[in-house]
Amino acid sequence: LRISEAIAQNLAFIDSSNASKYAE
């Protein structure tokens, strides 16, 4: 879970336009 959260955060940083989708 912690690793997946870090992945979501990194993807949101790189691709901010899809940040809400990564969080969802």
mmCIF file of all heavy atoms, coordinates in Angstrom:
data_MODEL
# 
_entry.id   MODEL 
# 
loop_
_atom_site.group_PDB 
_atom_site.id 
_atom_site.type_symbol 
_atom_site.label_atom_id 
_atom_site.label_alt_id 
_atom_site.label_comp_id 
_atom_site.label_asym_id 
_atom_site.label_entity_id 
_atom_site.label_seq_id 
_atom_site.pdbx_PDB_ins_code 
_atom_site.Cartn_x 
_atom_site.Cartn_y 
_atom_site.Cartn_z 
_atom_site.occupancy 
_atom_site.B_iso_or_equiv 
_atom_site.pdbx_formal_charge 
_atom_site.auth_seq_id 
_atom_site.auth_comp_id 
_atom_site.auth_asym_id 
_atom_site.auth_atom_id 
_atom_site.pdbx_PDB_model_num 
ATOM 1   N N   . LEU A 1 1  ? 0.834   -1.208 0.000   1.00 0.00 ? 1  LEU A N   1 
ATOM 2   C CA  . LEU A 1 1  ? 0.000   0.000  0.000   1.00 0.00 ? 1  LEU A CA  1 
ATOM 3   C C   . LEU A 1 1  ? 0.872   1.262  0.000   1.00 0.00 ? 1  LEU A C   1 
ATOM 4   O O   . LEU A 1 1  ? 0.617   2.209  -0.760  1.00 0.00 ? 1  LEU A O   1 
ATOM 5   C CB  . LEU A 1 1  ? -0.926  -0.030 1.225   1.00 0.00 ? 1  LEU A CB  1 
ATOM 6   C CG  . LEU A 1 1  ? -2.059  0.992  1.292   1.00 0.00 ? 1  LEU A CG  1 
ATOM 7   C CD1 . LEU A 1 1  ? -3.172  0.453  2.182   1.00 0.00 ? 1  LEU A CD1 1 
ATOM 8   C CD2 . LEU A 1 1  ? -1.598  2.336  1.827   1.00 0.00 ? 1  LEU A CD2 1 
ATOM 9   N N   . ARG A 1 2  ? 1.898   1.276  0.835   1.00 0.00 ? 2  ARG A N   1 
ATOM 10  C CA  . ARG A 1 2  ? 2.778   2.450  0.912   1.00 0.00 ? 2  ARG A CA  1 
ATOM 11  C C   . ARG A 1 2  ? 3.513   2.678  -0.410  1.00 0.00 ? 2  ARG A C   1 
ATOM 12  O O   . ARG A 1 2  ? 3.677   3.816  -0.860  1.00 0.00 ? 2  ARG A O   1 
ATOM 13  C CB  . ARG A 1 2  ? 3.779   2.278  2.052   1.00 0.00 ? 2  ARG A CB  1 
ATOM 14  C CG  . ARG A 1 2  ? 3.136   2.204  3.429   1.00 0.00 ? 2  ARG A CG  1 
ATOM 15  C CD  . ARG A 1 2  ? 4.184   2.133  4.538   1.00 0.00 ? 2  ARG A CD  1 
ATOM 16  N NE  . ARG A 1 2  ? 3.569   1.999  5.847   1.00 0.00 ? 2  ARG A NE  1 
ATOM 17  C CZ  . ARG A 1 2  ? 3.456   0.849  6.512   1.00 0.00 ? 2  ARG A CZ  1 
ATOM 18  N NH1 . ARG A 1 2  ? 3.920   -0.274 5.961   1.00 0.00 ? 2  ARG A NH1 1 
ATOM 19  N NH2 . ARG A 1 2  ? 2.881   0.797  7.692   1.00 0.00 ? 2  ARG A NH2 1 
ATOM 20  N N   . ILE A 1 3  ? 3.963   1.587  -1.022  1.00 0.00 ? 3  ILE A N   1 
ATOM 21  C CA  . ILE A 1 3  ? 4.676   1.703  -2.296  1.00 0.00 ? 3  ILE A CA  1 
ATOM 22  C C   . ILE A 1 3  ? 3.730   2.193  -3.387  1.00 0.00 ? 3  ILE A C   1 
ATOM 23  O O   . ILE A 1 3  ? 4.092   3.065  -4.197  1.00 0.00 ? 3  ILE A O   1 
ATOM 24  C CB  . ILE A 1 3  ? 5.292   0.340  -2.686  1.00 0.00 ? 3  ILE A CB  1 
ATOM 25  C CG1 . ILE A 1 3  ? 6.377   -0.052 -1.677  1.00 0.00 ? 3  ILE A CG1 1 
ATOM 26  C CG2 . ILE A 1 3  ? 5.883   0.395  -4.095  1.00 0.00 ? 3  ILE A CG2 1 
ATOM 27  C CD1 . ILE A 1 3  ? 6.785   -1.514 -1.751  1.00 0.00 ? 3  ILE A CD1 1 
ATOM 28  N N   . SER A 1 4  ? 2.523   1.683  -3.398  1.00 0.00 ? 4  SER A N   1 
ATOM 29  C CA  . SER A 1 4  ? 1.535   2.108  -4.393  1.00 0.00 ? 4  SER A CA  1 
ATOM 30  C C   . SER A 1 4  ? 1.192   3.586  -4.229  1.00 0.00 ? 4  SER A C   1 
ATOM 31  O O   . SER A 1 4  ? 0.999   4.303  -5.221  1.00 0.00 ? 4  SER A O   1 
ATOM 32  C CB  . SER A 1 4  ? 0.264   1.260  -4.274  1.00 0.00 ? 4  SER A CB  1 
ATOM 33  O OG  . SER A 1 4  ? 0.537   -0.095 -4.550  1.00 0.00 ? 4  SER A OG  1 
ATOM 34  N N   . GLU A 1 5  ? 1.132   4.035  -2.993  1.00 0.00 ? 5  GLU A N   1 
ATOM 35  C CA  . GLU A 1 5  ? 0.871   5.457  -2.756  1.00 0.00 ? 5  GLU A CA  1 
ATOM 36  C C   . GLU A 1 5  ? 2.016   6.313  -3.287  1.00 0.00 ? 5  GLU A C   1 
ATOM 37  O O   . GLU A 1 5  ? 1.794   7.368  -3.902  1.00 0.00 ? 5  GLU A O   1 
ATOM 38  C CB  . GLU A 1 5  ? 0.680   5.717  -1.260  1.00 0.00 ? 5  GLU A CB  1 
ATOM 39  C CG  . GLU A 1 5  ? 0.326   7.163  -0.933  1.00 0.00 ? 5  GLU A CG  1 
ATOM 40  C CD  . GLU A 1 5  ? 0.013   7.362  0.526   1.00 0.00 ? 5  GLU A CD  1 
ATOM 41  O OE1 . GLU A 1 5  ? 0.463   6.539  1.364   1.00 0.00 ? 5  GLU A OE1 1 
ATOM 42  O OE2 . GLU A 1 5  ? -0.691  8.337  0.851   1.00 0.00 ? 5  GLU A OE2 1 
ATOM 43  N N   . ALA A 1 6  ? 3.255   5.860  -3.081  1.00 0.00 ? 6  ALA A N   1 
ATOM 44  C CA  . ALA A 1 6  ? 4.406   6.600  -3.604  1.00 0.00 ? 6  ALA A CA  1 
ATOM 45  C C   . ALA A 1 6  ? 4.388   6.623  -5.130  1.00 0.00 ? 6  ALA A C   1 
ATOM 46  O O   . ALA A 1 6  ? 4.747   7.636  -5.753  1.00 0.00 ? 6  ALA A O   1 
ATOM 47  C CB  . ALA A 1 6  ? 5.704   5.954  -3.103  1.00 0.00 ? 6  ALA A CB  1 
ATOM 48  N N   . ILE A 1 7  ? 3.948   5.533  -5.741  1.00 0.00 ? 7  ILE A N   1 
ATOM 49  C CA  . ILE A 1 7  ? 3.828   5.494  -7.199  1.00 0.00 ? 7  ILE A CA  1 
ATOM 50  C C   . ILE A 1 7  ? 2.793   6.504  -7.667  1.00 0.00 ? 7  ILE A C   1 
ATOM 51  O O   . ILE A 1 7  ? 3.022   7.265  -8.621  1.00 0.00 ? 7  ILE A O   1 
ATOM 52  C CB  . ILE A 1 7  ? 3.453   4.070  -7.668  1.00 0.00 ? 7  ILE A CB  1 
ATOM 53  C CG1 . ILE A 1 7  ? 4.650   3.128  -7.488  1.00 0.00 ? 7  ILE A CG1 1 
ATOM 54  C CG2 . ILE A 1 7  ? 2.996   4.079  -9.128  1.00 0.00 ? 7  ILE A CG2 1 
ATOM 55  C CD1 . ILE A 1 7  ? 4.321   1.664  -7.728  1.00 0.00 ? 7  ILE A CD1 1 
ATOM 56  N N   . ALA A 1 8  ? 1.651   6.540  -6.997  1.00 0.00 ? 8  ALA A N   1 
ATOM 57  C CA  . ALA A 1 8  ? 0.597   7.492  -7.361  1.00 0.00 ? 8  ALA A CA  1 
ATOM 58  C C   . ALA A 1 8  ? 1.090   8.929  -7.251  1.00 0.00 ? 8  ALA A C   1 
ATOM 59  O O   . ALA A 1 8  ? 0.798   9.773  -8.112  1.00 0.00 ? 8  ALA A O   1 
ATOM 60  C CB  . ALA A 1 8  ? -0.626  7.279  -6.477  1.00 0.00 ? 8  ALA A CB  1 
ATOM 61  N N   . GLN A 1 9  ? 1.845   9.208  -6.210  1.00 0.00 ? 9  GLN A N   1 
ATOM 62  C CA  . GLN A 1 9  ? 2.365   10.569 -6.012  1.00 0.00 ? 9  GLN A CA  1 
ATOM 63  C C   . GLN A 1 9  ? 3.358   10.944 -7.101  1.00 0.00 ? 9  GLN A C   1 
ATOM 64  O O   . GLN A 1 9  ? 3.343   12.081 -7.603  1.00 0.00 ? 9  GLN A O   1 
ATOM 65  C CB  . GLN A 1 9  ? 3.005   10.671 -4.630  1.00 0.00 ? 9  GLN A CB  1 
ATOM 66  C CG  . GLN A 1 9  ? 2.008   10.588 -3.485  1.00 0.00 ? 9  GLN A CG  1 
ATOM 67  C CD  . GLN A 1 9  ? 2.667   10.423 -2.126  1.00 0.00 ? 9  GLN A CD  1 
ATOM 68  O OE1 . GLN A 1 9  ? 3.867   10.125 -2.037  1.00 0.00 ? 9  GLN A OE1 1 
ATOM 69  N NE2 . GLN A 1 9  ? 1.901   10.602 -1.064  1.00 0.00 ? 9  GLN A NE2 1 
ATOM 70  N N   . ASN A 1 10 ? 4.213   10.024 -7.476  1.00 0.00 ? 10 ASN A N   1 
ATOM 71  C CA  . ASN A 1 10 ? 5.193   10.292 -8.539  1.00 0.00 ? 10 ASN A CA  1 
ATOM 72  C C   . ASN A 1 10 ? 4.512   10.479 -9.885  1.00 0.00 ? 10 ASN A C   1 
ATOM 73  O O   . ASN A 1 10 ? 4.881   11.370 -10.659 1.00 0.00 ? 10 ASN A O   1 
ATOM 74  C CB  . ASN A 1 10 ? 6.221   9.160  -8.615  1.00 0.00 ? 10 ASN A CB  1 
ATOM 75  C CG  . ASN A 1 10 ? 7.371   9.347  -7.653  1.00 0.00 ? 10 ASN A CG  1 
ATOM 76  O OD1 . ASN A 1 10 ? 8.390   9.959  -7.990  1.00 0.00 ? 10 ASN A OD1 1 
ATOM 77  N ND2 . ASN A 1 10 ? 7.219   8.833  -6.451  1.00 0.00 ? 10 ASN A ND2 1 
ATOM 78  N N   . LEU A 1 11 ? 3.514   9.668  -10.174 1.00 0.00 ? 11 LEU A N   1 
ATOM 79  C CA  . LEU A 1 11 ? 2.798   9.805  -11.437 1.00 0.00 ? 11 LEU A CA  1 
ATOM 80  C C   . LEU A 1 11 ? 2.050   11.132 -11.496 1.00 0.00 ? 11 LEU A C   1 
ATOM 81  O O   . LEU A 1 11 ? 2.019   11.788 -12.544 1.00 0.00 ? 11 LEU A O   1 
ATOM 82  C CB  . LEU A 1 11 ? 1.826   8.639  -11.625 1.00 0.00 ? 11 LEU A CB  1 
ATOM 83  C CG  . LEU A 1 11 ? 2.455   7.271  -11.851 1.00 0.00 ? 11 LEU A CG  1 
ATOM 84  C CD1 . LEU A 1 11 ? 1.383   6.189  -11.906 1.00 0.00 ? 11 LEU A CD1 1 
ATOM 85  C CD2 . LEU A 1 11 ? 3.282   7.250  -13.128 1.00 0.00 ? 11 LEU A CD2 1 
ATOM 86  N N   . ALA A 1 12 ? 1.476   11.537 -10.371 1.00 0.00 ? 12 ALA A N   1 
ATOM 87  C CA  . ALA A 1 12 ? 0.756   12.816 -10.324 1.00 0.00 ? 12 ALA A CA  1 
ATOM 88  C C   . ALA A 1 12 ? 1.709   13.982 -10.523 1.00 0.00 ? 12 ALA A C   1 
ATOM 89  O O   . ALA A 1 12 ? 1.350   14.992 -11.143 1.00 0.00 ? 12 ALA A O   1 
ATOM 90  C CB  . ALA A 1 12 ? 0.019   12.948 -8.997  1.00 0.00 ? 12 ALA A CB  1 
ATOM 91  N N   . PHE A 1 13 ? 2.934   13.861 -10.018 1.00 0.00 ? 13 PHE A N   1 
ATOM 92  C CA  . PHE A 1 13 ? 3.925   14.912 -10.195 1.00 0.00 ? 13 PHE A CA  1 
ATOM 93  C C   . PHE A 1 13 ? 4.325   15.037 -11.659 1.00 0.00 ? 13 PHE A C   1 
ATOM 94  O O   . PHE A 1 13 ? 4.438   16.145 -12.200 1.00 0.00 ? 13 PHE A O   1 
ATOM 95  C CB  . PHE A 1 13 ? 5.155   14.619 -9.337  1.00 0.00 ? 13 PHE A CB  1 
ATOM 96  C CG  . PHE A 1 13 ? 6.248   15.637 -9.469  1.00 0.00 ? 13 PHE A CG  1 
ATOM 97  C CD1 . PHE A 1 13 ? 6.229   16.790 -8.697  1.00 0.00 ? 13 PHE A CD1 1 
ATOM 98  C CD2 . PHE A 1 13 ? 7.290   15.465 -10.376 1.00 0.00 ? 13 PHE A CD2 1 
ATOM 99  C CE1 . PHE A 1 13 ? 7.234   17.748 -8.813  1.00 0.00 ? 13 PHE A CE1 1 
ATOM 100 C CE2 . PHE A 1 13 ? 8.288   16.413 -10.510 1.00 0.00 ? 13 PHE A CE2 1 
ATOM 101 C CZ  . PHE A 1 13 ? 8.262   17.563 -9.733  1.00 0.00 ? 13 PHE A CZ  1 
ATOM 102 N N   . ILE A 1 14 ? 4.531   13.888 -12.301 1.00 0.00 ? 14 ILE A N   1 
ATOM 103 C CA  . ILE A 1 14 ? 4.952   13.888 -13.705 1.00 0.00 ? 14 ILE A CA  1 
ATOM 104 C C   . ILE A 1 14 ? 3.812   14.303 -14.631 1.00 0.00 ? 14 ILE A C   1 
ATOM 105 O O   . ILE A 1 14 ? 4.007   15.053 -15.592 1.00 0.00 ? 14 ILE A O   1 
ATOM 106 C CB  . ILE A 1 14 ? 5.456   12.483 -14.092 1.00 0.00 ? 14 ILE A CB  1 
ATOM 107 C CG1 . ILE A 1 14 ? 6.712   12.130 -13.306 1.00 0.00 ? 14 ILE A CG1 1 
ATOM 108 C CG2 . ILE A 1 14 ? 5.745   12.402 -15.604 1.00 0.00 ? 14 ILE A CG2 1 
ATOM 109 C CD1 . ILE A 1 14 ? 7.107   10.677 -13.411 1.00 0.00 ? 14 ILE A CD1 1 
ATOM 110 N N   . ASP A 1 15 ? 2.624   13.819 -14.317 1.00 0.00 ? 15 ASP A N   1 
ATOM 111 C CA  . ASP A 1 15 ? 1.457   13.987 -15.187 1.00 0.00 ? 15 ASP A CA  1 
ATOM 112 C C   . ASP A 1 15 ? 0.338   14.639 -14.382 1.00 0.00 ? 15 ASP A C   1 
ATOM 113 O O   . ASP A 1 15 ? -0.672  14.010 -14.072 1.00 0.00 ? 15 ASP A O   1 
ATOM 114 C CB  . ASP A 1 15 ? 1.039   12.610 -15.714 1.00 0.00 ? 15 ASP A CB  1 
ATOM 115 C CG  . ASP A 1 15 ? -0.131  12.665 -16.675 1.00 0.00 ? 15 ASP A CG  1 
ATOM 116 O OD1 . ASP A 1 15 ? -0.377  13.736 -17.256 1.00 0.00 ? 15 ASP A OD1 1 
ATOM 117 O OD2 . ASP A 1 15 ? -0.793  11.621 -16.842 1.00 0.00 ? 15 ASP A OD2 1 
ATOM 118 N N   . SER A 1 16 ? 0.514   15.906 -14.050 1.00 0.00 ? 16 SER A N   1 
ATOM 119 C CA  . SER A 1 16 ? -0.413  16.599 -13.151 1.00 0.00 ? 16 SER A CA  1 
ATOM 120 C C   . SER A 1 16 ? -1.831  16.682 -13.704 1.00 0.00 ? 16 SER A C   1 
ATOM 121 O O   . SER A 1 16 ? -2.799  16.753 -12.943 1.00 0.00 ? 16 SER A O   1 
ATOM 122 C CB  . SER A 1 16 ? 0.107   17.997 -12.831 1.00 0.00 ? 16 SER A CB  1 
ATOM 123 O OG  . SER A 1 16 ? 0.268   18.753 -14.019 1.00 0.00 ? 16 SER A OG  1 
ATOM 124 N N   . SER A 1 17 ? -1.978  16.653 -15.032 1.00 0.00 ? 17 SER A N   1 
ATOM 125 C CA  . SER A 1 17 ? -3.316  16.758 -15.622 1.00 0.00 ? 17 SER A CA  1 
ATOM 126 C C   . SER A 1 17 ? -4.178  15.543 -15.275 1.00 0.00 ? 17 SER A C   1 
ATOM 127 O O   . SER A 1 17 ? -5.409  15.612 -15.317 1.00 0.00 ? 17 SER A O   1 
ATOM 128 C CB  . SER A 1 17 ? -3.218  16.901 -17.142 1.00 0.00 ? 17 SER A CB  1 
ATOM 129 O OG  . SER A 1 17 ? -2.632  15.756 -17.728 1.00 0.00 ? 17 SER A OG  1 
ATOM 130 N N   . ASN A 1 18 ? -3.541  14.434 -14.915 1.00 0.00 ? 18 ASN A N   1 
ATOM 131 C CA  . ASN A 1 18 ? -4.278  13.224 -14.537 1.00 0.00 ? 18 ASN A CA  1 
ATOM 132 C C   . ASN A 1 18 ? -4.137  12.896 -13.053 1.00 0.00 ? 18 ASN A C   1 
ATOM 133 O O   . ASN A 1 18 ? -4.422  11.770 -12.636 1.00 0.00 ? 18 ASN A O   1 
ATOM 134 C CB  . ASN A 1 18 ? -3.793  12.037 -15.368 1.00 0.00 ? 18 ASN A CB  1 
ATOM 135 C CG  . ASN A 1 18 ? -4.286  12.082 -16.794 1.00 0.00 ? 18 ASN A CG  1 
ATOM 136 O OD1 . ASN A 1 18 ? -5.481  12.251 -17.042 1.00 0.00 ? 18 ASN A OD1 1 
ATOM 137 N ND2 . ASN A 1 18 ? -3.376  11.958 -17.750 1.00 0.00 ? 18 ASN A ND2 1 
ATOM 138 N N   . ALA A 1 19 ? -3.719  13.865 -12.258 1.00 0.00 ? 19 ALA A N   1 
ATOM 139 C CA  . ALA A 1 19 ? -3.465  13.625 -10.835 1.00 0.00 ? 19 ALA A CA  1 
ATOM 140 C C   . ALA A 1 19 ? -4.696  13.080 -10.120 1.00 0.00 ? 19 ALA A C   1 
ATOM 141 O O   . ALA A 1 19 ? -4.599  12.168 -9.280  1.00 0.00 ? 19 ALA A O   1 
ATOM 142 C CB  . ALA A 1 19 ? -2.987  14.905 -10.166 1.00 0.00 ? 19 ALA A CB  1 
ATOM 143 N N   . SER A 1 20 ? -5.862  13.618 -10.423 1.00 0.00 ? 20 SER A N   1 
ATOM 144 C CA  . SER A 1 20 ? -7.086  13.165 -9.745  1.00 0.00 ? 20 SER A CA  1 
ATOM 145 C C   . SER A 1 20 ? -7.404  11.713 -10.091 1.00 0.00 ? 20 SER A C   1 
ATOM 146 O O   . SER A 1 20 ? -7.911  10.962 -9.240  1.00 0.00 ? 20 SER A O   1 
ATOM 147 C CB  . SER A 1 20 ? -8.262  14.065 -10.110 1.00 0.00 ? 20 SER A CB  1 
ATOM 148 O OG  . SER A 1 20 ? -8.516  14.037 -11.499 1.00 0.00 ? 20 SER A OG  1 
ATOM 149 N N   . LYS A 1 21 ? -7.099  11.315 -11.312 1.00 0.00 ? 21 LYS A N   1 
ATOM 150 C CA  . LYS A 1 21 ? -7.358  9.932  -11.722 1.00 0.00 ? 21 LYS A CA  1 
ATOM 151 C C   . LYS A 1 21 ? -6.413  8.969  -11.012 1.00 0.00 ? 21 LYS A C   1 
ATOM 152 O O   . LYS A 1 21 ? -6.833  7.888  -10.568 1.00 0.00 ? 21 LYS A O   1 
ATOM 153 C CB  . LYS A 1 21 ? -7.198  9.804  -13.243 1.00 0.00 ? 21 LYS A CB  1 
ATOM 154 C CG  . LYS A 1 21 ? -7.565  8.431  -13.778 1.00 0.00 ? 21 LYS A CG  1 
ATOM 155 C CD  . LYS A 1 21 ? -9.024  8.091  -13.527 1.00 0.00 ? 21 LYS A CD  1 
ATOM 156 C CE  . LYS A 1 21 ? -9.398  6.751  -14.150 1.00 0.00 ? 21 LYS A CE  1 
ATOM 157 N NZ  . LYS A 1 21 ? -10.796 6.371  -13.841 1.00 0.00 ? 21 LYS A NZ  1 
ATOM 158 N N   . TYR A 1 22 ? -5.131  9.368  -10.887 1.00 0.00 ? 22 TYR A N   1 
ATOM 159 C CA  . TYR A 1 22 ? -4.186  8.522  -10.156 1.00 0.00 ? 22 TYR A CA  1 
ATOM 160 C C   . TYR A 1 22 ? -4.619  8.369  -8.700  1.00 0.00 ? 22 TYR A C   1 
ATOM 161 O O   . TYR A 1 22 ? -4.539  7.277  -8.127  1.00 0.00 ? 22 TYR A O   1 
ATOM 162 C CB  . TYR A 1 22 ? -2.776  9.100  -10.229 1.00 0.00 ? 22 TYR A CB  1 
ATOM 163 C CG  . TYR A 1 22 ? -2.199  9.158  -11.623 1.00 0.00 ? 22 TYR A CG  1 
ATOM 164 C CD1 . TYR A 1 22 ? -1.629  10.331 -12.113 1.00 0.00 ? 22 TYR A CD1 1 
ATOM 165 C CD2 . TYR A 1 22 ? -2.222  8.040  -12.463 1.00 0.00 ? 22 TYR A CD2 1 
ATOM 166 C CE1 . TYR A 1 22 ? -1.094  10.397 -13.398 1.00 0.00 ? 22 TYR A CE1 1 
ATOM 167 C CE2 . TYR A 1 22 ? -1.700  8.098  -13.745 1.00 0.00 ? 22 TYR A CE2 1 
ATOM 168 C CZ  . TYR A 1 22 ? -1.141  9.277  -14.200 1.00 0.00 ? 22 TYR A CZ  1 
ATOM 169 O OH  . TYR A 1 22 ? -0.629  9.328  -15.477 1.00 0.00 ? 22 TYR A OH  1 
ATOM 170 N N   . ALA A 1 23 ? -5.082  9.448  -8.108  1.00 0.00 ? 23 ALA A N   1 
ATOM 171 C CA  . ALA A 1 23 ? -5.549  9.408  -6.719  1.00 0.00 ? 23 ALA A CA  1 
ATOM 172 C C   . ALA A 1 23 ? -6.776  8.509  -6.580  1.00 0.00 ? 23 ALA A C   1 
ATOM 173 O O   . ALA A 1 23 ? -6.883  7.718  -5.631  1.00 0.00 ? 23 ALA A O   1 
ATOM 174 C CB  . ALA A 1 23 ? -5.866  10.817 -6.231  1.00 0.00 ? 23 ALA A CB  1 
ATOM 175 N N   . GLU A 1 24 ? -7.683  8.613  -7.533  1.00 0.00 ? 24 GLU A N   1 
ATOM 176 C CA  . GLU A 1 24 ? -8.888  7.787  -7.523  1.00 0.00 ? 24 GLU A CA  1 
ATOM 177 C C   . GLU A 1 24 ? -8.538  6.306  -7.643  1.00 0.00 ? 24 GLU A C   1 
ATOM 178 O O   . GLU A 1 24 ? -9.067  5.460  -6.910  1.00 0.00 ? 24 GLU A O   1 
ATOM 179 C CB  . GLU A 1 24 ? -9.806  8.211  -8.670  1.00 0.00 ? 24 GLU A CB  1 
ATOM 180 C CG  . GLU A 1 24 ? -11.095 7.405  -8.787  1.00 0.00 ? 24 GLU A CG  1 
ATOM 181 C CD  . GLU A 1 24 ? -11.915 7.811  -10.002 1.00 0.00 ? 24 GLU A CD  1 
ATOM 182 O OE1 . GLU A 1 24 ? -11.711 8.924  -10.526 1.00 0.00 ? 24 GLU A OE1 1 
ATOM 183 O OE2 . GLU A 1 24 ? -12.757 6.986  -10.439 1.00 0.00 ? 24 GLU A OE2 1 
# 
